[in-house]
């Protein structure tokens, strides 16, 4: 059980990091803007894509947070 929760927590962390990395801010164009400076692109995303990505990121963060609390609680009880 504890191992399964740890694996799920790692997966949730990787998903959360990936989602945050691909999001664009108002000044930057995704991860390339974060690492290499400002990049402009003529391509537009589908309407509603950024909102969908925001909601997905929010749920990934909530999942990671809840899993972290559960794993921490179980770990403290095992000691």
Foldseek 3Di string as FASTA:
>chain_A
DLVVLVVVLVVLVVVLVVLQQCAADPQAHGVCCVPPNHDDDPDDDDPPPNVVSVVVNVVSVVVNVVSVVVSVVVVVVVD
